[in-house]
Amino acid sequence: MAVFLAGCDKPLDLDLRGAFGNAPSTAEAARNATVARPEPDSRGIISYPGYQVAVAQRGDTVATLAARIGANAQEIARFNGVQTGDPLRPGEVIALPGRVAEPIGGPIQPPSGVDISTLASGAIQRADSQKVETSTLAPAARVGVEPVRHQVARGETAFTIARLYDVSIRSLADWNGLGPDFAVREGQFLLIPVALPGEDTVPFDPSDTTAVTAPGVGSPTPTPPSAAKPLPDEETVPKAAPVKTTAAPDLGKTQTAAQSGRMAFPVKGDIVREYAKGRNDGIDISATPGATVKAADDGLVAAITEDTNGIPIIVIKHAGNLLTVYSNISGLAVAKGDNVKRGQKLAEIRRDGSPALHFEVRDGFDSVDPMRYLNPV
């Protein structure tokens, strides 16, 4: 391995995802050095002038974290796209929708906003005014750069975000408490690691044609070599004799009775409500009040019952363990135990209420889409 590395004329790809083909290399982003994430206070708060975040502790949920910092759990969960009972990883960063009590010493201030000489002279004066040898000084203001806070969009991953801001995936994971799979969720807020002095973390330049395409757009299709110059004609000789083929069988001669078109429509009209398993176990066919409802196929009247409103329901048993069901009807023309023929009158469409027939086909007791069996003509 050492000999292999010594022979390379390019720097090692620390992100282990080298530029295959025209893919952008992430080695430079992996080498960018960043500072460590600031330590939170005892509650887990990291406070900046522009926003605050909370850092989860072991065993935390959104609810326990909110209770510890004195914030509304529902608002925090909604702001971060999670549930109040969701478990959090130790070190995971949670964005706060509003400010809570500031840590002692106040938020982390940018270097240009803190007068170091004033802070130092004030501390010296307070120390000189004391007659004892030691004294407790007020905590000094913390100084640091406020990091960019990025909200994850649909299709983004930790790798694309790290490349976007030119930081290493490891730094991004350390700053935000990501898991070993670097998984992120849509709507999650991430802190972008701050570069060490002298290092750059320049955001992705959209005008760079070598950059990765946006999430969901897909990769451009490469131009085939033959597009610019046609390939020469070649005469190919088959290595083996052609395989003898046989004609496909005529399935129409072997179709079973359960194939499409076996049944006739029980009434003429438009379908006003389609089949939806679990929501509508049949179809609703509009019809004129008083129109004849006919048997969809030969069969036996297995049952005549009523719904909760006293409206009749006819169940006919057919060959192949199929049942047809007719409801929202009146004026029965058959009785239980009757043998019926396809097209025979069963009843009429109700003259009051909704003028539509509810029709079902069941394989045993399981509902199926009637359109698989009805003749569309």
Protein backbone atom coordinates (compact mmCIF):
# COMPACT_ATOMS: atom_id res chain seq x y z
CA MET A 1 0.00 0.00 0.00
CA ALA A 2 2.83 2.43 0.83
CA VAL A 3 4.45 1.78 -2.55
CA PHE A 4 1.11 2.35 -4.27
CA LEU A 5 0.57 5.70 -2.50
CA ALA A 6 4.11 6.81 -3.24
CA GLY A 7 3.53 6.23 -6.94
CA CYS A 8 0.41 8.42 -7.12
CA ASP A 9 0.89 11.80 -8.76
CA LYS A 10 -2.33 13.24 -7.27
CA PRO A 11 -3.29 13.96 -3.66
CA LEU A 12 -5.18 11.25 -1.82
CA ASP A 13 -8.98 11.57 -2.03
CA LEU A 14 -9.75 11.80 1.68
CA ASP A 15 -13.46 11.57 1.00
CA LEU A 16 -12.97 8.21 -0.76
CA ARG A 17 -15.21 9.24 -3.66
CA GLY A 18 -12.75 10.08 -6.42
CA ALA A 19 -13.71 11.80 -9.65
CA PHE A 20 -14.86 8.87 -11.76
CA GLY A 21 -15.27 10.05 -15.36
CA ASN A 22 -16.42 13.67 -15.24
CA ALA A 23 -17.72 13.48 -11.67
CA PRO A 24 -16.50 16.32 -9.39
CA SER A 25 -13.83 15.38 -6.89
CA THR A 26 -14.58 15.93 -3.21
CA ALA A 27 -10.98 15.56 -2.06
CA GLU A 28 -10.48 19.32 -1.67
CA ALA A 29 -13.59 19.65 0.49
CA ALA A 30 -12.45 16.73 2.63
CA ARG A 31 -9.10 18.42 3.29
CA ASN A 32 -10.60 21.78 4.34
CA ALA A 33 -9.86 22.28 8.03
CA THR A 34 -12.65 23.52 10.29
CA VAL A 35 -12.82 24.58 13.91
CA ALA A 36 -14.57 22.42 16.49
CA ARG A 37 -18.19 23.17 17.25
CA PRO A 38 -18.58 25.45 20.29
CA GLU A 39 -19.44 23.72 23.55
CA PRO A 40 -23.06 24.27 24.66
CA ASP A 41 -23.98 25.47 28.13
CA SER A 42 -25.27 23.12 30.83
CA ARG A 43 -28.73 23.09 29.26
CA GLY A 44 -27.32 22.28 25.84
CA ILE A 45 -27.75 25.76 24.30
CA ILE A 46 -25.39 27.27 21.72
CA SER A 47 -26.38 30.90 21.27
CA TYR A 48 -25.48 33.23 18.40
CA PRO A 49 -26.77 36.76 17.75
CA GLY A 50 -28.87 35.52 14.81
CA TYR A 51 -30.26 32.26 16.21
CA GLN A 52 -29.95 29.61 18.90
CA VAL A 53 -29.66 25.82 18.70
CA ALA A 54 -29.98 23.10 21.30
CA VAL A 55 -27.68 20.07 21.48
CA ALA A 56 -29.36 16.80 22.49
CA GLN A 57 -28.04 14.75 25.38
CA ARG A 58 -28.09 10.97 25.75
CA GLY A 59 -31.66 9.67 26.06
CA ASP A 60 -33.23 12.94 24.93
CA THR A 61 -36.46 13.26 23.00
CA VAL A 62 -37.80 16.53 21.63
CA ALA A 63 -40.09 16.72 24.66
CA THR A 64 -37.34 16.24 27.28
CA LEU A 65 -35.03 18.65 25.47
CA ALA A 66 -37.77 21.31 25.38
CA ALA A 67 -38.49 20.81 29.10
CA ARG A 68 -34.81 21.26 29.96
CA ILE A 69 -34.43 24.55 28.06
CA GLY A 70 -37.88 25.90 28.95
CA ALA A 71 -39.36 25.94 25.44
CA ASN A 72 -42.54 24.68 23.76
CA ALA A 73 -42.02 21.08 22.55
CA GLN A 74 -44.73 21.30 19.87
CA GLU A 75 -43.20 24.42 18.33
CA ILE A 76 -39.69 22.89 18.31
CA ALA A 77 -40.98 19.65 16.75
CA ARG A 78 -42.94 21.51 14.07
CA PHE A 79 -39.98 23.79 13.28
CA ASN A 80 -37.64 20.80 12.80
CA GLY A 81 -40.10 18.45 11.06
CA VAL A 82 -40.16 15.82 13.83
CA GLN A 83 -42.53 14.54 16.53
CA THR A 84 -42.25 15.46 20.20
CA GLY A 85 -41.61 11.84 21.18
CA ASP A 86 -38.92 11.20 18.56
CA PRO A 87 -35.61 10.04 20.11
CA LEU A 88 -32.56 12.21 19.43
CA ARG A 89 -28.94 11.17 18.99
CA PRO A 90 -26.42 12.47 21.55
CA GLY A 91 -24.93 15.63 20.07
CA GLU A 92 -27.73 16.11 17.52
CA VAL A 93 -28.43 19.78 16.79
CA ILE A 94 -32.02 21.01 17.05
CA ALA A 95 -32.89 24.49 15.75
CA LEU A 96 -34.97 26.71 18.04
CA PRO A 97 -37.88 28.66 16.51
CA GLY A 98 -37.47 31.44 19.11
CA ARG A 99 -34.90 32.56 21.64
CA VAL A 100 -34.72 31.14 25.14
CA ALA A 101 -32.76 32.51 28.09
CA GLU A 102 -29.23 33.42 27.01
CA PRO A 103 -26.27 31.48 28.46
CA ILE A 104 -24.15 33.25 31.06
CA GLY A 105 -22.00 35.73 29.18
CA GLY A 106 -24.54 36.13 26.38
CA PRO A 107 -24.41 34.81 22.82
CA ILE A 108 -21.20 34.07 20.94
CA GLN A 109 -20.10 37.38 19.40
CA PRO A 110 -18.17 37.88 16.16
CA PRO A 111 -14.59 39.07 16.68
CA SER A 112 -15.39 42.50 15.26
CA GLY A 113 -18.21 42.98 17.77
CA VAL A 114 -16.14 42.46 20.94
CA ASP A 115 -13.71 45.03 22.30
CA ILE A 116 -11.04 42.79 23.84
CA SER A 117 -9.08 45.69 25.39
CA THR A 118 -12.19 47.00 27.18
CA LEU A 119 -12.98 43.56 28.56
CA ALA A 120 -9.40 43.09 29.77
CA SER A 121 -9.09 46.52 31.42
CA GLY A 122 -12.43 46.10 33.17
CA ALA A 123 -11.36 42.78 34.64
CA ILE A 124 -8.05 44.25 35.86
CA GLN A 125 -9.80 47.20 37.51
CA ARG A 126 -12.24 44.88 39.30
CA ALA A 127 -9.35 42.75 40.51
CA ASP A 128 -7.37 45.79 41.77
CA SER A 129 -10.34 47.10 43.74
CA GLN A 130 -10.48 43.97 45.84
CA LYS A 131 -8.46 43.81 49.05
CA VAL A 132 -8.28 40.03 49.02
CA GLU A 133 -5.79 38.09 46.95
CA THR A 134 -8.32 36.39 44.67
CA SER A 135 -11.72 37.31 43.27
CA THR A 136 -14.35 35.78 41.01
CA LEU A 137 -14.56 37.58 37.68
CA ALA A 138 -17.66 37.79 35.53
CA PRO A 139 -17.49 35.41 32.57
CA ALA A 140 -16.02 37.02 29.49
CA ALA A 141 -17.99 37.13 26.26
CA ARG A 142 -17.39 34.21 23.91
CA VAL A 143 -15.98 35.06 20.51
CA GLY A 144 -16.57 33.11 17.31
CA VAL A 145 -17.96 33.20 13.79
CA GLU A 146 -21.69 32.56 13.43
CA PRO A 147 -22.01 29.54 11.07
CA VAL A 148 -24.41 29.37 8.16
CA ARG A 149 -27.60 27.48 9.07
CA HIS A 150 -28.77 25.31 6.14
CA GLN A 151 -32.26 23.79 5.91
CA VAL A 152 -32.25 20.44 4.09
CA ALA A 153 -34.35 20.45 0.90
CA ARG A 154 -35.97 17.44 -0.74
CA GLY A 155 -33.41 15.29 -2.55
CA GLU A 156 -30.39 16.66 -0.68
CA THR A 157 -27.99 14.42 1.22
CA ALA A 158 -25.21 15.13 3.68
CA PHE A 159 -22.71 14.51 0.87
CA THR A 160 -24.29 17.03 -1.53
CA ILE A 161 -24.55 19.62 1.26
CA ALA A 162 -20.90 19.11 2.24
CA ARG A 163 -19.90 19.57 -1.40
CA LEU A 164 -22.17 22.63 -1.69
CA TYR A 165 -20.29 24.45 1.08
CA ASP A 166 -16.90 22.89 0.36
CA VAL A 167 -16.54 21.23 3.77
CA SER A 168 -15.77 17.62 4.66
CA ILE A 169 -18.59 15.22 5.36
CA ARG A 170 -16.92 14.30 8.66
CA SER A 171 -16.88 17.91 9.87
CA LEU A 172 -20.53 18.31 8.87
CA ALA A 173 -21.42 15.14 10.79
CA ASP A 174 -19.44 16.18 13.90
CA TRP A 175 -20.99 19.63 14.02
CA ASN A 176 -24.55 18.31 13.72
CA GLY A 177 -24.40 14.95 15.52
CA LEU A 178 -25.25 12.92 12.41
CA GLY A 179 -25.34 9.13 12.63
CA PRO A 180 -22.83 6.74 11.01
CA ASP A 181 -24.97 6.63 7.85
CA PHE A 182 -24.88 10.47 7.57
CA ALA A 183 -28.68 10.45 7.10
CA VAL A 184 -30.50 13.79 7.03
CA ARG A 185 -34.22 14.52 6.69
CA GLU A 186 -36.13 17.08 4.68
CA GLY A 187 -36.63 20.27 6.70
CA GLN A 188 -33.76 19.54 9.11
CA PHE A 189 -31.47 22.45 10.01
CA LEU A 190 -27.72 21.88 9.77
CA LEU A 191 -24.88 24.09 11.00
CA ILE A 192 -22.19 24.48 8.35
CA PRO A 193 -18.74 24.07 9.98
CA VAL A 194 -16.64 27.22 10.29
CA ALA A 195 -13.23 27.15 8.63
CA LEU A 196 -10.02 27.63 10.56
CA PRO A 197 -8.33 31.00 10.06
CA GLY A 198 -6.65 31.00 6.66
CA GLU A 199 -8.91 28.26 5.26
CA ASP A 200 -11.77 28.86 2.83
CA THR A 201 -15.19 27.23 2.74
CA VAL A 202 -16.49 28.88 -0.41
CA PRO A 203 -20.07 27.90 -1.29
CA PHE A 204 -20.71 26.03 -4.52
CA ASP A 205 -20.59 28.17 -7.68
CA PRO A 206 -23.65 27.38 -9.87
CA SER A 207 -21.79 28.63 -12.97
CA ASP A 208 -19.18 25.89 -12.59
CA THR A 209 -20.05 23.41 -15.33
CA THR A 210 -18.09 20.61 -13.65
CA ALA A 211 -20.22 20.72 -10.53
CA VAL A 212 -22.74 18.07 -9.58
CA THR A 213 -26.27 18.52 -10.91
CA ALA A 214 -29.06 19.65 -8.59
CA PRO A 215 -30.97 16.96 -6.67
CA GLY A 216 -33.79 15.42 -8.73
CA VAL A 217 -32.53 16.80 -12.05
CA GLY A 218 -30.54 13.73 -13.05
CA SER A 219 -27.22 13.41 -14.82
CA PRO A 220 -26.72 14.61 -18.41
CA THR A 221 -26.67 11.90 -21.05
CA PRO A 222 -23.21 11.56 -22.65
CA THR A 223 -22.94 11.95 -26.42
CA PRO A 224 -22.36 8.55 -28.05
CA PRO A 225 -19.24 8.24 -30.22
CA SER A 226 -21.32 7.43 -33.31
CA ALA A 227 -23.17 10.75 -33.13
CA ALA A 228 -20.22 12.66 -34.57
CA LYS A 229 -18.90 9.99 -36.92
CA PRO A 230 -20.92 6.93 -37.96
CA LEU A 231 -19.39 3.57 -37.27
CA PRO A 232 -18.20 1.60 -40.34
CA ASP A 233 -20.47 -1.01 -41.82
CA GLU A 234 -19.68 -4.50 -40.68
CA GLU A 235 -20.71 -7.87 -41.99
CA THR A 236 -21.36 -10.19 -39.12
CA VAL A 237 -21.56 -13.95 -39.43
CA PRO A 238 -23.74 -15.78 -36.90
CA LYS A 239 -21.85 -18.33 -34.83
CA ALA A 240 -24.82 -20.67 -34.53
CA ALA A 241 -27.82 -21.59 -36.61
CA PRO A 242 -31.07 -19.67 -35.95
CA VAL A 243 -33.26 -21.14 -33.25
CA LYS A 244 -36.40 -22.68 -34.62
CA THR A 245 -39.45 -20.89 -33.26
CA THR A 246 -42.95 -22.19 -32.80
CA ALA A 247 -46.17 -20.26 -33.14
CA ALA A 248 -47.68 -18.95 -29.92
CA PRO A 249 -50.83 -20.78 -28.83
CA ASP A 250 -54.20 -19.14 -29.34
CA LEU A 251 -55.08 -18.18 -25.79
CA GLY A 252 -58.56 -17.19 -26.91
CA LYS A 253 -59.42 -20.89 -27.20
CA THR A 254 -58.30 -21.63 -23.64
CA GLN A 255 -59.67 -18.61 -21.79
CA THR A 256 -61.54 -19.40 -18.61
CA ALA A 257 -64.94 -18.04 -17.71
CA ALA A 258 -63.37 -15.44 -15.41
CA GLN A 259 -61.83 -13.43 -18.30
CA SER A 260 -62.84 -9.85 -19.10
CA GLY A 261 -66.18 -9.44 -20.84
CA ARG A 262 -67.86 -12.44 -19.25
CA MET A 263 -70.64 -10.37 -17.63
CA ALA A 264 -73.07 -7.81 -19.03
CA PHE A 265 -73.70 -4.41 -17.48
CA PRO A 266 -76.68 -4.74 -15.11
CA VAL A 267 -78.02 -1.32 -16.10
CA LYS A 268 -77.23 1.27 -18.78
CA GLY A 269 -75.54 4.44 -17.58
CA ASP A 270 -72.31 6.19 -16.73
CA ILE A 271 -70.02 5.09 -13.90
CA VAL A 272 -70.21 7.87 -11.34
CA ARG A 273 -68.03 6.22 -8.72
CA GLU A 274 -65.20 3.83 -9.48
CA TYR A 275 -63.99 0.80 -7.56
CA ALA A 276 -61.54 1.52 -4.72
CA LYS A 277 -60.52 -1.39 -2.50
CA GLY A 278 -61.49 -0.71 1.11
CA ARG A 279 -63.37 2.52 0.27
CA ASN A 280 -65.84 1.48 -2.43
CA ASP A 281 -66.06 -2.29 -2.95
CA GLY A 282 -67.93 -1.91 -6.24
CA ILE A 283 -68.97 0.66 -8.84
CA ASP A 284 -71.92 3.05 -8.90
CA ILE A 285 -73.74 3.28 -12.25
CA SER A 286 -76.11 6.20 -12.86
CA ALA A 287 -79.51 5.26 -14.28
CA THR A 288 -83.03 6.62 -14.78
CA PRO A 289 -85.33 6.08 -11.79
CA GLY A 290 -87.43 3.00 -12.49
CA ALA A 291 -84.94 1.58 -15.03
CA THR A 292 -84.65 -2.22 -15.16
CA VAL A 293 -81.80 -3.84 -13.24
CA LYS A 294 -80.70 -7.07 -15.00
CA ALA A 295 -78.63 -10.07 -13.96
CA ALA A 296 -75.01 -9.68 -15.10
CA ASP A 297 -74.75 -13.45 -15.80
CA ASP A 298 -76.46 -16.78 -15.24
CA GLY A 299 -76.71 -17.75 -11.62
CA LEU A 300 -78.71 -18.53 -8.49
CA VAL A 301 -80.29 -15.92 -6.22
CA ALA A 302 -78.33 -16.79 -3.09
CA ALA A 303 -79.75 -14.10 -0.81
CA ILE A 304 -82.08 -11.13 -0.65
CA THR A 305 -81.48 -8.87 2.32
CA GLU A 306 -81.79 -5.20 3.31
CA ASP A 307 -79.40 -2.44 4.34
CA THR A 308 -79.80 -0.36 7.50
CA ASN A 309 -82.34 1.86 5.71
CA GLY A 310 -84.51 -1.11 4.67
CA ILE A 311 -83.44 -0.92 1.00
CA PRO A 312 -83.22 -4.37 -0.71
CA ILE A 313 -79.93 -6.02 -1.67
CA ILE A 314 -79.74 -8.96 -4.09
CA VAL A 315 -76.83 -11.45 -4.06
CA ILE A 316 -76.46 -13.86 -7.01
CA LYS A 317 -74.04 -16.79 -7.04
CA HIS A 318 -72.30 -17.64 -10.34
CA ALA A 319 -69.95 -20.33 -11.59
CA GLY A 320 -66.34 -20.14 -10.46
CA ASN A 321 -67.23 -19.06 -6.88
CA LEU A 322 -68.18 -15.56 -8.06
CA LEU A 323 -70.91 -13.45 -6.50
CA THR A 324 -72.61 -10.29 -7.83
CA VAL A 325 -74.30 -7.79 -5.51
CA TYR A 326 -77.03 -5.30 -6.52
CA SER A 327 -78.15 -2.54 -4.12
CA ASN A 328 -80.06 0.76 -4.07
CA ILE A 329 -82.96 -0.99 -5.81
CA SER A 330 -86.71 -1.53 -5.41
CA GLY A 331 -89.53 -3.49 -7.07
CA LEU A 332 -87.99 -6.95 -6.70
CA ALA A 333 -88.76 -9.36 -9.56
CA VAL A 334 -87.01 -12.45 -8.15
CA ALA A 335 -86.92 -14.43 -4.89
CA LYS A 336 -84.25 -16.30 -3.00
CA GLY A 337 -83.47 -19.65 -4.65
CA ASP A 338 -84.51 -18.57 -8.16
CA ASN A 339 -82.30 -19.50 -11.11
CA VAL A 340 -81.74 -16.44 -13.32
CA LYS A 341 -80.39 -15.96 -16.80
CA ARG A 342 -78.02 -13.27 -18.05
CA GLY A 343 -80.08 -10.16 -18.81
CA GLN A 344 -83.12 -11.28 -16.77
CA LYS A 345 -84.89 -8.56 -14.79
CA LEU A 346 -84.05 -8.56 -11.08
CA ALA A 347 -85.47 -5.25 -9.86
CA GLU A 348 -85.70 -1.54 -10.69
CA ILE A 349 -83.72 1.57 -9.82
CA ARG A 350 -85.26 3.37 -6.85
CA ARG A 351 -87.55 6.25 -7.70
CA ASP A 352 -86.49 8.17 -4.59
CA GLY A 353 -82.97 8.85 -3.38
CA SER A 354 -79.86 8.69 -5.54
CA PRO A 355 -80.68 7.30 -9.04
CA ALA A 356 -77.70 4.93 -9.28
CA LEU A 357 -77.10 1.20 -8.95
CA HIS A 358 -74.35 0.01 -6.64
CA PHE A 359 -72.88 -3.13 -8.23
CA GLU A 360 -70.20 -5.43 -6.79
CA VAL A 361 -68.35 -8.54 -7.96
CA ARG A 362 -66.85 -10.76 -5.29
CA ASP A 363 -64.49 -13.72 -5.59
CA GLY A 364 -65.76 -15.66 -2.62
CA PHE A 365 -66.07 -12.93 0.01
CA ASP A 366 -63.23 -10.78 -1.37
CA SER A 367 -64.29 -7.79 -3.48
CA VAL A 368 -62.68 -7.37 -6.92
CA ASP A 369 -62.89 -4.65 -9.56
CA PRO A 370 -66.12 -5.29 -11.54
CA MET A 371 -64.56 -3.73 -14.67
CA ARG A 372 -62.37 -6.86 -15.00
CA TYR A 373 -65.50 -8.90 -15.69
CA LEU A 374 -67.94 -6.54 -17.40
CA ASN A 375 -68.24 -6.41 -21.18
CA PRO A 376 -67.44 -2.81 -22.17
CA VAL A 377 -69.82 -2.95 -25.17
